[in-house]
C-alpha cells in the first residue's frame, strides 16, 4: 500500500506557523505516515527509521515560518525530511548495504527446495516477503533507492520528486528508470512471487528465516494480500508493472510511536494555546 502525500491546505500551514496547536497537530498527523514509509524503506532498522521520522518532523515543525509558498507545502516538507533521512547517522541511508549478487547468495543459503507451501504458514510467508522486499531495496544506492520510493511508492510526479531531491526532473526520471530496471531484473531472475520459474520462494526460506529469528510466530495477522493472492495478481499484469505492484501492494508500514506525542514532549509546541480560543 502506498502512502501518497496528504493534502495540507495553506490556511492550516499559516495557522501552524503562528503557533496554533491544532494546526500543528494536523500537519504532523498528515505527514508522519508517508515520512515514516520513506524512512522505513531507506533505513532497514526499525528504530533508526522511527528516530529519523521524529527528527524530520521536528525540523519541519520548527521551520514552518520559513515556508514561502513557492512550492507545494508537502514538497517543501518532504525535501526537509528526505535530506534528514539521507544524512541520518553517518549517512546510513546513502549507501547500498548489499549487492544484488551477494543478496542472491544470501537467499540461496539454507533454501529448502523441497519445502511445501502450507496454508497455516501464510502469515509467516508474508513476514518473509516484507523483510525480503525491504532488504532488496538496499541493493540500490541511496540516490536510486529514494527515487524508487518517491516515484513508485508515493507516486510523486517527476517535477515534485526532482524538487525534493534537488535535481532536474530528467535526472530523477533516469534514476527511477535504472532503479526499476535493476529491481525488475533481480526479481524476475530470483523471486517466485514475480516469476514462478524463479528458484526462491518464501516457503522455501521459512526454516532458515525462523532459525535466524526473522519471523515472529506470535503475529497472527498481517493486513493485505496473502502471497498466493499476490502471485495471482502479478501473473496477470505486464512485466513492466510487476516490480511496481510487488511493492505497492504491500500493507501500510505502521510505526509503533505516536509522533504527535513525541513532538509535544520535545518541543512543547502542541501545548501552546490558540490565542483565539476563549
Protein backbone atom coordinates (compact mmCIF):
# COMPACT_ATOMS: atom_id res chain seq x y z
CA UNK A 1 0.00 0.00 0.00
CA UNK A 2 1.38 3.41 -0.93
CA UNK A 3 1.33 6.45 1.28
CA UNK A 4 0.52 9.35 -1.03
CA UNK A 5 1.29 12.87 0.21
CA UNK A 6 -1.55 14.42 2.21
CA UNK A 7 -3.44 17.49 1.07
CA UNK A 8 -2.46 20.13 3.64
CA UNK A 9 -4.07 23.48 2.81
CA UNK A 10 -2.42 26.88 3.05
CA UNK A 11 -4.65 28.05 5.92
CA UNK A 12 -3.52 25.13 8.08
CA UNK A 13 0.13 25.93 7.37
CA UNK A 14 -0.40 29.63 8.19
CA UNK A 15 -2.11 28.80 11.47
CA UNK A 16 0.58 26.28 12.40
CA UNK A 17 3.37 28.77 11.67
CA UNK A 18 1.60 31.20 14.02
CA UNK A 19 1.59 28.60 16.79
CA UNK A 20 -1.89 27.12 16.51
CA UNK A 21 -1.67 23.77 18.29
CA UNK A 22 -4.47 22.06 16.36
CA UNK A 23 -2.95 23.09 13.03
CA UNK A 24 0.49 21.81 14.01
CA UNK A 25 -1.07 18.53 15.09
CA UNK A 26 -2.93 18.25 11.77
CA UNK A 27 0.32 18.74 9.85
CA UNK A 28 2.21 16.17 11.95
CA UNK A 29 -0.59 13.61 11.61
CA UNK A 30 -0.75 14.18 7.87
CA UNK A 31 2.99 13.88 7.29
CA UNK A 32 4.00 11.18 9.77
CA UNK A 33 2.69 8.24 7.72
CA UNK A 34 4.38 8.99 4.38
CA UNK A 35 7.61 10.21 6.01
CA UNK A 36 7.82 7.05 8.10
CA UNK A 37 7.14 4.98 4.97
CA UNK A 38 10.12 6.67 3.30
CA UNK A 39 12.36 6.23 6.34
CA UNK A 40 11.40 2.58 6.84
CA UNK A 41 12.48 1.74 3.31
CA UNK A 42 15.60 3.88 3.35
CA UNK A 43 16.78 2.59 6.75
CA UNK A 44 16.50 -1.14 7.45
CA UNK A 45 16.48 -0.79 11.22
CA UNK A 46 13.04 -0.02 12.68
CA UNK A 47 14.42 2.17 15.47
CA UNK A 48 16.55 4.14 13.02
CA UNK A 49 13.50 4.71 10.80
CA UNK A 50 11.39 5.91 13.72
CA UNK A 51 14.16 8.18 15.02
CA UNK A 52 14.68 9.65 11.55
CA UNK A 53 10.94 10.23 11.17
CA UNK A 54 10.77 12.01 14.51
CA UNK A 55 13.78 14.19 13.72
CA UNK A 56 12.33 15.04 10.29
CA UNK A 57 9.01 16.10 11.81
CA UNK A 58 10.81 18.24 14.41
CA UNK A 59 12.74 20.01 11.65
CA UNK A 60 9.60 20.62 9.62
CA UNK A 61 7.59 21.97 12.55
CA UNK A 62 10.37 24.24 13.77
CA UNK A 63 10.88 25.69 10.28
CA UNK A 64 7.26 26.39 9.36
CA UNK A 65 7.91 30.13 9.38
CA UNK A 66 10.45 29.59 6.57
CA UNK A 67 7.84 28.22 4.17
CA UNK A 68 7.22 30.87 1.49
CA UNK A 69 4.65 29.09 -0.65
CA UNK A 70 6.98 28.88 -3.65
CA UNK A 71 6.17 25.17 -3.97
CA UNK A 72 3.55 22.84 -2.55
CA UNK A 73 3.82 22.54 1.20
CA UNK A 74 4.23 18.76 1.10
CA UNK A 75 7.04 19.10 -1.46
CA UNK A 76 8.81 21.57 0.83
CA UNK A 77 8.27 19.33 3.87
CA UNK A 78 9.41 16.16 2.09
CA UNK A 79 12.58 17.91 0.94
CA UNK A 80 13.47 18.60 4.58
CA UNK A 81 12.57 15.04 5.56
CA UNK A 82 14.49 13.35 2.75
CA UNK A 83 17.61 15.38 3.49
CA UNK A 84 17.42 14.34 7.14
CA UNK A 85 16.81 10.68 6.31
CA UNK A 86 19.71 10.57 3.82
CA UNK A 87 22.03 12.22 6.36
CA UNK A 88 20.83 10.10 9.27
CA UNK A 89 23.54 8.62 11.50
CA UNK A 90 26.58 8.71 9.28
CA UNK A 91 24.54 8.57 6.09
CA UNK A 92 23.29 5.02 6.69
CA UNK A 93 20.65 5.55 4.00
CA UNK A 94 23.05 6.87 1.37
CA UNK A 95 25.00 3.72 0.52
CA UNK A 96 23.93 0.32 -0.73
CA UNK A 97 24.13 -2.20 2.11
CA UNK A 98 24.16 -5.21 -0.21
CA UNK A 99 24.89 -6.01 -3.83
CA UNK A 100 22.39 -7.94 -5.92
CA UNK A 101 24.77 -10.92 -6.38
CA UNK A 102 25.51 -11.06 -2.62
CA UNK A 103 21.80 -10.84 -1.80
CA UNK A 104 21.06 -13.68 -4.24
CA UNK A 105 23.67 -15.81 -2.44
CA UNK A 106 22.07 -14.95 0.89
CA UNK A 107 18.65 -16.06 -0.37
CA UNK A 108 20.10 -19.33 -1.68
CA UNK A 109 21.82 -20.11 1.64
CA UNK A 110 19.67 -22.58 3.56
CA UNK A 111 16.87 -22.59 1.00
CA UNK A 112 14.86 -25.81 1.11
CA UNK A 113 13.81 -26.54 -2.47
CA UNK A 114 11.73 -29.50 -1.29
CA UNK A 115 9.62 -27.47 1.16
CA UNK A 116 5.84 -27.48 0.76
CA UNK A 117 3.81 -24.26 0.92
CA UNK A 118 1.30 -24.69 3.76
CA UNK A 119 -1.79 -22.55 4.26
CA UNK A 120 -1.21 -22.39 8.01
CA UNK A 121 2.14 -20.66 7.41
CA UNK A 122 0.66 -17.86 5.27
CA UNK A 123 1.35 -15.07 7.80
CA UNK A 124 4.95 -16.25 8.24
CA UNK A 125 5.36 -16.18 4.47
CA UNK A 126 4.05 -12.60 4.40
CA UNK A 127 6.61 -11.64 7.05
CA UNK A 128 9.41 -13.13 4.96
CA UNK A 129 8.24 -11.33 1.84
CA UNK A 130 8.08 -7.95 3.59
CA UNK A 131 11.52 -8.35 5.15
CA UNK A 132 12.99 -9.53 1.86
CA UNK A 133 11.48 -6.73 -0.21
CA UNK A 134 12.82 -4.07 2.19
CA UNK A 135 16.28 -5.63 2.26
CA UNK A 136 16.26 -5.88 -1.53
CA UNK A 137 15.86 -2.11 -1.82
CA UNK A 138 19.21 -1.82 -0.05
CA UNK A 139 20.94 -3.33 -3.04
CA UNK A 140 20.35 0.10 -4.58
CA UNK A 141 22.44 3.09 -3.54
CA UNK A 142 20.68 5.92 -1.76
CA UNK A 143 20.06 8.03 -4.88
CA UNK A 144 18.33 5.23 -6.75
CA UNK A 145 16.51 3.87 -3.69
CA UNK A 146 14.96 7.23 -2.79
CA UNK A 147 14.00 7.78 -6.44
CA UNK A 148 12.16 4.44 -6.41
CA UNK A 149 10.45 5.16 -3.09
CA UNK A 150 9.25 8.60 -4.17
CA UNK A 151 8.17 7.52 -7.63
CA UNK A 152 6.77 4.04 -7.16
CA UNK A 153 5.55 4.07 -3.57
CA UNK A 154 4.47 7.68 -3.07
CA UNK A 155 3.67 8.08 -6.79
CA UNK A 156 5.08 11.60 -6.94
CA UNK A 157 5.32 13.38 -10.31
CA UNK A 158 8.86 13.80 -11.64
CA UNK A 159 8.74 17.58 -11.14
CA UNK A 160 7.86 17.22 -7.44
CA UNK A 161 10.34 14.39 -6.81
CA UNK A 162 13.10 16.29 -8.59
CA UNK A 163 12.41 19.37 -6.46
CA UNK A 164 12.51 17.30 -3.27
CA UNK A 165 15.86 15.79 -4.28
CA UNK A 166 17.31 18.99 -5.71
CA UNK A 167 17.82 17.55 -9.20
CA UNK A 168 16.30 18.15 -12.62
CA UNK A 169 13.20 16.07 -13.41
CA UNK A 170 15.11 14.36 -16.24
CA UNK A 171 17.83 13.27 -13.82
CA UNK A 172 15.23 11.94 -11.42
CA UNK A 173 13.47 10.01 -14.19
CA UNK A 174 16.76 8.37 -15.19
CA UNK A 175 17.41 7.30 -11.61
CA UNK A 176 13.90 5.92 -11.26
CA UNK A 177 14.19 4.05 -14.55
CA UNK A 178 17.53 2.50 -13.56
CA UNK A 179 16.21 1.53 -10.12
CA UNK A 180 13.09 -0.04 -11.60
CA UNK A 181 15.14 -1.95 -14.20
CA UNK A 182 17.60 -3.30 -11.63
CA UNK A 183 14.84 -4.50 -9.30
CA UNK A 184 12.83 -5.99 -12.17
CA UNK A 185 15.82 -7.94 -13.45
CA UNK A 186 16.64 -9.29 -9.99
CA UNK A 187 13.06 -10.17 -9.06
CA UNK A 188 12.39 -11.90 -12.39
CA UNK A 189 15.54 -13.98 -12.07
CA UNK A 190 15.25 -14.76 -8.37
CA UNK A 191 11.76 -14.36 -6.87
CA UNK A 192 8.96 -16.89 -7.26
CA UNK A 193 6.36 -14.24 -6.42
CA UNK A 194 7.23 -12.39 -9.63
CA UNK A 195 8.15 -15.38 -11.81
CA UNK A 196 7.04 -18.91 -10.93
CA UNK A 197 10.15 -20.30 -12.64
CA UNK A 198 12.50 -18.46 -10.25
CA UNK A 199 14.23 -20.55 -7.57
CA UNK A 200 13.40 -18.57 -4.42
CA UNK A 201 10.07 -18.76 -2.63
CA UNK A 202 9.10 -17.63 0.85
CA UNK A 203 8.04 -21.11 1.95
CA UNK A 204 11.45 -22.43 0.86
CA UNK A 205 13.10 -19.81 3.08
CA UNK A 206 10.84 -20.36 6.10
CA UNK A 207 13.02 -22.81 8.04
CA UNK A 208 16.11 -20.67 7.52
CA UNK A 209 14.27 -17.44 8.38
CA UNK A 210 12.92 -18.99 11.58
CA UNK A 211 16.42 -20.13 12.58
CA UNK A 212 17.69 -16.58 12.07
CA UNK A 213 14.83 -15.06 14.08
CA UNK A 214 13.45 -13.25 11.02
CA UNK A 215 9.83 -14.29 11.60
CA UNK A 216 7.56 -13.95 14.62
CA UNK A 217 5.15 -16.89 15.13
CA UNK A 218 3.21 -14.72 17.58
CA UNK A 219 1.96 -12.50 14.73
CA UNK A 220 -1.35 -13.97 13.62
CA UNK A 221 -2.47 -11.41 11.03
CA UNK A 222 -0.95 -9.00 8.52
CA UNK A 223 -3.11 -6.63 6.52
CA UNK A 224 -3.10 -7.08 2.77
CA UNK A 225 -2.88 -9.96 0.38
CA UNK A 226 -1.51 -13.41 1.03
CA UNK A 227 1.36 -14.45 -1.19
CA UNK A 228 -1.00 -16.72 -3.12
CA UNK A 229 -3.17 -13.70 -3.94
CA UNK A 230 -0.17 -11.51 -4.76
CA UNK A 231 1.32 -14.12 -7.09
CA UNK A 232 -2.00 -14.46 -8.87
CA UNK A 233 -2.24 -10.70 -9.33
CA UNK A 234 1.33 -10.26 -10.55
CA UNK A 235 0.91 -13.09 -13.03
CA UNK A 236 -1.99 -11.14 -14.55
CA UNK A 237 -0.13 -7.86 -15.19
CA UNK A 238 2.53 -6.90 -17.70
CA UNK A 239 6.18 -7.45 -16.90
CA UNK A 240 6.67 -3.68 -16.77
CA UNK A 241 4.22 -3.41 -13.84
CA UNK A 242 5.37 -6.36 -11.79
CA UNK A 243 8.03 -4.65 -9.69
CA UNK A 244 5.67 -1.74 -9.07
CA UNK A 245 2.87 -3.97 -7.82
CA UNK A 246 5.30 -6.15 -5.87
CA UNK A 247 5.96 -3.10 -3.67
CA UNK A 248 2.79 -1.00 -3.96
CA UNK A 249 0.52 -3.82 -2.81
CA UNK A 250 2.37 -4.24 0.47
CA UNK A 251 0.43 -3.29 3.62
CA UNK A 252 0.99 0.14 5.06
CA UNK A 253 4.17 0.50 7.11
CA UNK A 254 2.99 1.45 10.60
CA UNK A 255 5.10 2.96 13.35
CA UNK A 256 4.82 1.94 16.97
CA UNK A 257 5.34 5.54 18.04
CA UNK A 258 2.92 8.41 18.43
CA UNK A 259 4.92 11.18 16.79
CA UNK A 260 2.47 13.87 17.87
CA UNK A 261 3.05 12.91 21.49
CA UNK A 262 6.80 12.84 20.84
CA UNK A 263 6.73 16.38 19.50
CA UNK A 264 4.66 17.56 22.44
CA UNK A 265 7.37 16.29 24.76
CA UNK A 266 10.29 17.56 22.69
CA UNK A 267 9.04 20.99 21.74
CA UNK A 268 6.00 21.78 23.79
CA UNK A 269 4.67 23.16 20.50
CA UNK A 270 1.34 21.44 20.71
CA UNK A 271 0.79 22.68 24.24
CA UNK A 272 0.89 26.28 23.08
CA UNK A 273 -2.64 27.67 23.42
CA UNK A 274 -4.53 29.09 20.48
CA UNK A 275 -4.74 32.85 21.15
CA UNK A 276 -8.21 32.91 19.61
CA UNK A 277 -9.53 30.24 21.95
CA UNK A 278 -11.58 31.79 24.80
